[in-house]
Amino acid sequence: MRTGRHALWTRLRELLNQHGLVPADTVLVFLFPDGADSEYGTVVSDGGRVYSFDLRYNREDVRTERTAVIERWLDITDQWQGKPLSHEIAETFIWRPPPRRTNLPEPASAPLNPSDTTHDS
C-alpha cells in the first residue's frame, strides 16, 4: 500500500492523507471485501491511533478504483481490543516500524548565574 502503483493503493494513500494520516507512516492492518461495492479496512497511525473504515467503489470494475471513497471512518483506538481481528491489530503494534523522529543536538548549557561568567578584559 505504501508504494504500490496499483490504482487502488494510490487512491487509498490519497484518502488516508485527507484523513490526516501520512501514508508512509501508516500501517494497513487489513483490507478485505465486504460486499460487491466495498472493502472493510483498519489502519494504525504512526501515533498509535487505530481507525476502521469502509472503502466504497465498484469492485467488479477496476476503472472505479480511482474514484473510491471512504464512507465510514471511525477512531477505534479505545475499543479495538474487543473488535474482530484484534489479534492482527495487536501484531501491528509489535511489528510496525518505529516513528520517524529527528534527533536534535542538545543545546549548549548556559550559566545559571550571570556573575559566574568570567570576562577577559
N, C-alpha and C. Protein backbone atom coordinates (compact mmCIF):
# COMPACT_ATOMS: atom_id res chain seq x y z
N MET A 1 0.82 -1.19 0.00
CA MET A 1 0.00 0.00 0.00
C MET A 1 0.87 1.26 0.00
N ARG A 2 1.98 1.24 0.69
CA ARG A 2 2.77 2.46 0.85
C ARG A 2 3.40 2.96 -0.45
N THR A 3 3.80 2.05 -1.32
CA THR A 3 4.48 2.48 -2.54
C THR A 3 3.90 1.86 -3.80
N GLY A 4 2.90 1.00 -3.66
CA GLY A 4 2.35 0.32 -4.83
C GLY A 4 1.76 1.29 -5.84
N ARG A 5 1.89 0.93 -7.11
CA ARG A 5 1.40 1.80 -8.18
C ARG A 5 -0.02 1.42 -8.61
N HIS A 6 -0.54 0.35 -8.06
CA HIS A 6 -1.91 -0.07 -8.37
C HIS A 6 -2.87 1.08 -8.05
N ALA A 7 -3.86 1.30 -8.89
CA ALA A 7 -4.77 2.44 -8.74
C ALA A 7 -5.44 2.47 -7.37
N LEU A 8 -5.80 1.32 -6.83
CA LEU A 8 -6.47 1.30 -5.53
C LEU A 8 -5.53 1.76 -4.43
N TRP A 9 -4.26 1.36 -4.48
CA TRP A 9 -3.31 1.79 -3.44
C TRP A 9 -3.04 3.28 -3.54
N THR A 10 -2.94 3.77 -4.77
CA THR A 10 -2.73 5.20 -4.96
C THR A 10 -3.90 5.98 -4.36
N ARG A 11 -5.10 5.52 -4.64
CA ARG A 11 -6.29 6.20 -4.13
C ARG A 11 -6.38 6.10 -2.61
N LEU A 12 -6.06 4.94 -2.05
CA LEU A 12 -6.10 4.78 -0.60
C LEU A 12 -5.11 5.72 0.07
N ARG A 13 -3.93 5.89 -0.49
CA ARG A 13 -2.96 6.84 0.07
C ARG A 13 -3.54 8.26 0.08
N GLU A 14 -4.21 8.63 -1.02
CA GLU A 14 -4.82 9.96 -1.09
C GLU A 14 -5.88 10.11 0.01
N LEU A 15 -6.70 9.09 0.17
CA LEU A 15 -7.78 9.16 1.17
C LEU A 15 -7.23 9.20 2.59
N LEU A 16 -6.19 8.43 2.87
CA LEU A 16 -5.58 8.47 4.20
C LEU A 16 -5.01 9.85 4.48
N ASN A 17 -4.38 10.43 3.47
CA ASN A 17 -3.84 11.78 3.61
C ASN A 17 -4.96 12.77 3.92
N GLN A 18 -6.11 12.63 3.27
CA GLN A 18 -7.25 13.51 3.53
C GLN A 18 -7.76 13.37 4.96
N HIS A 19 -7.52 12.21 5.57
CA HIS A 19 -7.94 12.00 6.96
C HIS A 19 -6.82 12.33 7.95
N GLY A 20 -5.78 13.01 7.47
CA GLY A 20 -4.73 13.49 8.35
C GLY A 20 -3.62 12.50 8.65
N LEU A 21 -3.57 11.40 7.92
CA LEU A 21 -2.51 10.41 8.15
C LEU A 21 -1.45 10.51 7.06
N VAL A 22 -0.23 10.22 7.42
CA VAL A 22 0.86 10.16 6.46
C VAL A 22 0.96 8.71 6.01
N PRO A 23 0.60 8.42 4.76
CA PRO A 23 0.58 7.02 4.32
C PRO A 23 1.89 6.27 4.54
N ALA A 24 3.02 6.93 4.37
CA ALA A 24 4.31 6.27 4.55
C ALA A 24 4.54 5.84 6.00
N ASP A 25 3.83 6.46 6.93
CA ASP A 25 3.99 6.15 8.35
C ASP A 25 2.78 5.40 8.93
N THR A 26 1.87 4.99 8.07
CA THR A 26 0.65 4.32 8.49
C THR A 26 0.71 2.86 8.08
N VAL A 27 0.25 1.99 8.96
CA VAL A 27 0.24 0.56 8.66
C VAL A 27 -1.18 0.12 8.34
N LEU A 28 -1.34 -0.50 7.17
CA LEU A 28 -2.61 -1.09 6.80
C LEU A 28 -2.66 -2.47 7.43
N VAL A 29 -3.54 -2.65 8.43
CA VAL A 29 -3.63 -3.93 9.13
C VAL A 29 -4.31 -4.94 8.23
N PHE A 30 -5.45 -4.56 7.68
CA PHE A 30 -6.14 -5.42 6.73
C PHE A 30 -7.11 -4.61 5.89
N LEU A 31 -7.43 -5.16 4.73
CA LEU A 31 -8.43 -4.60 3.83
C LEU A 31 -9.01 -5.79 3.09
N PHE A 32 -10.30 -6.07 3.33
CA PHE A 32 -10.88 -7.23 2.66
C PHE A 32 -12.28 -6.91 2.17
N PRO A 33 -12.72 -7.66 1.14
CA PRO A 33 -14.04 -7.42 0.54
C PRO A 33 -15.16 -7.52 1.56
N ASP A 34 -16.11 -6.62 1.40
CA ASP A 34 -17.28 -6.60 2.28
C ASP A 34 -18.49 -6.25 1.42
N GLY A 35 -18.85 -7.17 0.55
CA GLY A 35 -19.94 -6.94 -0.39
C GLY A 35 -19.40 -6.61 -1.76
N ALA A 36 -20.31 -6.37 -2.69
CA ALA A 36 -19.92 -6.14 -4.08
C ALA A 36 -19.29 -4.77 -4.31
N ASP A 37 -19.56 -3.82 -3.44
CA ASP A 37 -19.07 -2.47 -3.70
C ASP A 37 -18.28 -1.86 -2.55
N SER A 38 -17.74 -2.67 -1.67
CA SER A 38 -16.97 -2.09 -0.58
C SER A 38 -15.93 -3.06 -0.04
N GLU A 39 -14.99 -2.48 0.67
CA GLU A 39 -13.99 -3.23 1.41
C GLU A 39 -13.92 -2.63 2.80
N TYR A 40 -13.64 -3.48 3.76
CA TYR A 40 -13.54 -3.05 5.16
C TYR A 40 -12.06 -3.08 5.52
N GLY A 41 -11.58 -2.00 6.14
CA GLY A 41 -10.17 -1.94 6.47
C GLY A 41 -9.90 -1.33 7.83
N THR A 42 -8.68 -1.56 8.28
CA THR A 42 -8.20 -0.98 9.53
C THR A 42 -6.76 -0.56 9.33
N VAL A 43 -6.43 0.63 9.86
CA VAL A 43 -5.06 1.14 9.81
C VAL A 43 -4.63 1.56 11.21
N VAL A 44 -3.31 1.59 11.40
CA VAL A 44 -2.72 2.11 12.63
C VAL A 44 -1.79 3.25 12.23
N SER A 45 -2.02 4.41 12.83
CA SER A 45 -1.19 5.59 12.51
C SER A 45 0.15 5.50 13.22
N ASP A 46 1.08 6.36 12.82
CA ASP A 46 2.39 6.36 13.47
C ASP A 46 2.28 6.78 14.93
N GLY A 47 1.21 7.47 15.28
CA GLY A 47 0.99 7.86 16.67
C GLY A 47 0.27 6.81 17.49
N GLY A 48 -0.05 5.66 16.87
CA GLY A 48 -0.69 4.57 17.58
C GLY A 48 -2.21 4.62 17.59
N ARG A 49 -2.82 5.52 16.84
CA ARG A 49 -4.27 5.57 16.73
C ARG A 49 -4.72 4.46 15.79
N VAL A 50 -5.87 3.87 16.09
CA VAL A 50 -6.41 2.78 15.27
C VAL A 50 -7.72 3.27 14.65
N TYR A 51 -7.82 3.12 13.32
CA TYR A 51 -9.01 3.57 12.59
C TYR A 51 -9.56 2.42 11.75
N SER A 52 -10.89 2.32 11.72
CA SER A 52 -11.53 1.39 10.80
C SER A 52 -12.30 2.21 9.78
N PHE A 53 -12.51 1.63 8.60
CA PHE A 53 -13.17 2.38 7.54
C PHE A 53 -13.80 1.43 6.53
N ASP A 54 -14.75 1.97 5.79
CA ASP A 54 -15.35 1.29 4.64
C ASP A 54 -14.89 2.02 3.40
N LEU A 55 -14.29 1.30 2.49
CA LEU A 55 -13.84 1.85 1.23
C LEU A 55 -14.85 1.44 0.16
N ARG A 56 -15.51 2.41 -0.44
CA ARG A 56 -16.58 2.13 -1.42
C ARG A 56 -16.14 2.39 -2.85
N TYR A 57 -16.37 1.41 -3.69
CA TYR A 57 -16.19 1.51 -5.14
C TYR A 57 -16.75 0.23 -5.75
N ASN A 58 -16.94 0.23 -7.05
CA ASN A 58 -17.46 -0.96 -7.72
C ASN A 58 -16.30 -1.93 -7.91
N ARG A 59 -16.22 -2.93 -7.07
CA ARG A 59 -15.10 -3.86 -7.09
C ARG A 59 -15.04 -4.69 -8.36
N GLU A 60 -16.13 -4.75 -9.11
CA GLU A 60 -16.14 -5.53 -10.35
C GLU A 60 -15.65 -4.74 -11.55
N ASP A 61 -15.42 -3.44 -11.39
CA ASP A 61 -14.95 -2.59 -12.46
C ASP A 61 -13.70 -1.86 -11.98
N VAL A 62 -12.53 -2.31 -12.43
CA VAL A 62 -11.27 -1.73 -11.94
C VAL A 62 -11.14 -0.25 -12.25
N ARG A 63 -11.88 0.24 -13.22
CA ARG A 63 -11.81 1.67 -13.55
C ARG A 63 -12.33 2.53 -12.40
N THR A 64 -13.14 1.96 -11.53
CA THR A 64 -13.71 2.76 -10.43
C THR A 64 -12.78 2.86 -9.23
N GLU A 65 -11.67 2.14 -9.22
CA GLU A 65 -10.75 2.20 -8.08
C GLU A 65 -10.25 3.62 -7.83
N ARG A 66 -10.03 4.40 -8.89
CA ARG A 66 -9.54 5.77 -8.75
C ARG A 66 -10.57 6.71 -8.16
N THR A 67 -11.84 6.27 -8.08
CA THR A 67 -12.88 7.12 -7.52
C THR A 67 -13.40 6.58 -6.19
N ALA A 68 -12.67 5.65 -5.61
CA ALA A 68 -13.09 5.08 -4.32
C ALA A 68 -13.22 6.18 -3.27
N VAL A 69 -14.13 5.99 -2.34
CA VAL A 69 -14.33 6.94 -1.25
C VAL A 69 -14.40 6.19 0.07
N ILE A 70 -14.03 6.87 1.12
CA ILE A 70 -14.22 6.32 2.46
C ILE A 70 -15.54 6.85 2.97
N GLU A 71 -16.47 5.95 3.23
CA GLU A 71 -17.80 6.36 3.69
C GLU A 71 -17.94 6.33 5.20
N ARG A 72 -17.17 5.54 5.86
CA ARG A 72 -17.26 5.43 7.32
C ARG A 72 -15.83 5.40 7.84
N TRP A 73 -15.50 6.34 8.71
CA TRP A 73 -14.16 6.46 9.29
C TRP A 73 -14.33 6.54 10.79
N LEU A 74 -13.88 5.54 11.51
CA LEU A 74 -14.06 5.51 12.96
C LEU A 74 -12.74 5.37 13.68
N ASP A 75 -12.54 6.19 14.68
CA ASP A 75 -11.38 6.05 15.56
C ASP A 75 -11.75 4.99 16.59
N ILE A 76 -11.11 3.83 16.51
CA ILE A 76 -11.43 2.73 17.43
C ILE A 76 -10.26 2.46 18.39
N THR A 77 -9.44 3.49 18.60
CA THR A 77 -8.26 3.33 19.44
C THR A 77 -8.60 2.78 20.82
N ASP A 78 -9.69 3.25 21.41
CA ASP A 78 -10.04 2.82 22.76
C ASP A 78 -10.87 1.55 22.81
N GLN A 79 -11.17 0.96 21.65
CA GLN A 79 -12.04 -0.22 21.66
C GLN A 79 -11.62 -1.34 20.72
N TRP A 80 -10.46 -1.24 20.08
CA TRP A 80 -10.08 -2.25 19.10
C TRP A 80 -9.87 -3.63 19.73
N GLN A 81 -9.54 -3.67 21.02
CA GLN A 81 -9.29 -4.97 21.66
C GLN A 81 -10.52 -5.88 21.63
N GLY A 82 -11.70 -5.30 21.55
CA GLY A 82 -12.93 -6.10 21.53
C GLY A 82 -13.49 -6.30 20.13
N LYS A 83 -12.76 -5.88 19.12
CA LYS A 83 -13.23 -5.98 17.74
C LYS A 83 -12.75 -7.29 17.10
N PRO A 84 -13.47 -7.72 16.05
CA PRO A 84 -12.95 -8.87 15.29
C PRO A 84 -11.56 -8.55 14.75
N LEU A 85 -10.74 -9.55 14.64
CA LEU A 85 -9.37 -9.42 14.14
C LEU A 85 -8.48 -8.57 15.04
N SER A 86 -8.81 -8.51 16.32
CA SER A 86 -7.99 -7.73 17.26
C SER A 86 -6.57 -8.30 17.36
N HIS A 87 -6.42 -9.58 17.13
CA HIS A 87 -5.08 -10.18 17.17
C HIS A 87 -4.18 -9.56 16.09
N GLU A 88 -4.73 -9.35 14.89
CA GLU A 88 -3.95 -8.74 13.82
C GLU A 88 -3.57 -7.30 14.16
N ILE A 89 -4.47 -6.59 14.81
CA ILE A 89 -4.17 -5.22 15.21
C ILE A 89 -3.06 -5.22 16.26
N ALA A 90 -3.15 -6.13 17.22
CA ALA A 90 -2.10 -6.23 18.24
C ALA A 90 -0.75 -6.54 17.61
N GLU A 91 -0.74 -7.42 16.63
CA GLU A 91 0.51 -7.76 15.93
C GLU A 91 1.11 -6.52 15.26
N THR A 92 0.26 -5.66 14.77
CA THR A 92 0.73 -4.44 14.11
C THR A 92 1.52 -3.58 15.08
N PHE A 93 1.07 -3.49 16.32
CA PHE A 93 1.79 -2.69 17.30
C PHE A 93 3.17 -3.28 17.58
N ILE A 94 3.29 -4.58 17.45
CA ILE A 94 4.58 -5.23 17.68
C ILE A 94 5.52 -5.03 16.51
N TRP A 95 5.00 -5.14 15.29
CA TRP A 95 5.84 -5.17 14.10
C TRP A 95 5.91 -3.87 13.31
N ARG A 96 5.11 -2.87 13.68
CA ARG A 96 5.13 -1.64 12.88
C ARG A 96 6.48 -0.97 12.99
N PRO A 97 6.87 -0.24 11.94
CA PRO A 97 8.16 0.46 12.00
C PRO A 97 8.12 1.57 13.05
N PRO A 98 9.27 1.89 13.62
CA PRO A 98 9.29 2.97 14.62
C PRO A 98 8.95 4.29 13.95
N PRO A 99 8.34 5.21 14.71
CA PRO A 99 8.04 6.52 14.14
C PRO A 99 9.32 7.24 13.75
N ARG A 100 9.21 8.05 12.72
CA ARG A 100 10.37 8.84 12.30
C ARG A 100 10.49 10.06 13.19
N ARG A 101 11.66 10.25 13.70
CA ARG A 101 11.88 11.39 14.56
C ARG A 101 13.23 12.01 14.19
N THR A 102 13.32 13.29 14.35
CA THR A 102 14.58 13.99 14.15
C THR A 102 15.19 14.23 15.50
N ASN A 103 16.39 13.72 15.69
CA ASN A 103 17.10 13.94 16.95
C ASN A 103 17.92 15.22 16.82
N LEU A 104 17.54 16.21 17.59
CA LEU A 104 18.25 17.48 17.57
C LEU A 104 19.36 17.46 18.61
N PRO A 105 20.46 18.15 18.34
CA PRO A 105 21.54 18.19 19.33
C PRO A 105 21.07 18.93 20.58
N GLU A 106 21.63 18.53 21.69
CA GLU A 106 21.32 19.20 22.96
C GLU A 106 21.84 20.63 22.91
N PRO A 107 21.05 21.58 23.41
CA PRO A 107 21.55 22.97 23.43
C PRO A 107 22.71 23.11 24.40
N ALA A 108 23.60 24.04 24.08
CA ALA A 108 24.73 24.30 24.98
C ALA A 108 24.17 24.84 26.28
N SER A 109 24.72 24.39 27.39
CA SER A 109 24.20 24.85 28.68
C SER A 109 24.71 26.26 28.96
N ALA A 110 23.81 27.07 29.42
CA ALA A 110 24.13 28.46 29.76
C ALA A 110 24.40 28.53 31.25
N PRO A 111 25.22 29.46 31.67
CA PRO A 111 25.47 29.60 33.11
C PRO A 111 24.18 29.96 33.83
N LEU A 112 24.01 29.41 35.01
CA LEU A 112 22.82 29.68 35.79
C LEU A 112 22.84 31.08 36.40
N ASN A 113 24.00 31.55 36.75
CA ASN A 113 24.13 32.84 37.39
C ASN A 113 25.07 33.69 36.54
N PRO A 114 24.60 34.83 36.06
CA PRO A 114 25.47 35.67 35.20
C PRO A 114 26.76 36.06 35.87
N SER A 115 26.83 36.12 37.20
CA SER A 115 28.05 36.52 37.88
C SER A 115 29.09 35.38 37.85
N ASP A 116 28.63 34.16 37.43
CA ASP A 116 29.55 33.03 37.35
C ASP A 116 30.39 33.07 36.08
N THR A 117 30.10 33.98 35.18
CA THR A 117 30.85 34.02 33.93
C THR A 117 32.09 34.87 34.12
N THR A 118 33.11 34.48 33.45
CA THR A 118 34.35 35.26 33.52
C THR A 118 34.53 35.97 32.20
N HIS A 119 34.95 37.21 32.30
CA HIS A 119 35.17 38.01 31.10
C HIS A 119 36.63 38.40 31.06
N ASP A 120 37.22 38.24 29.92
CA ASP A 120 38.59 38.73 29.73
C ASP A 120 38.52 40.19 29.34
N SER A 121 39.22 41.05 30.08
CA SER A 121 39.19 42.48 29.76
C SER A 121 40.44 42.88 29.08
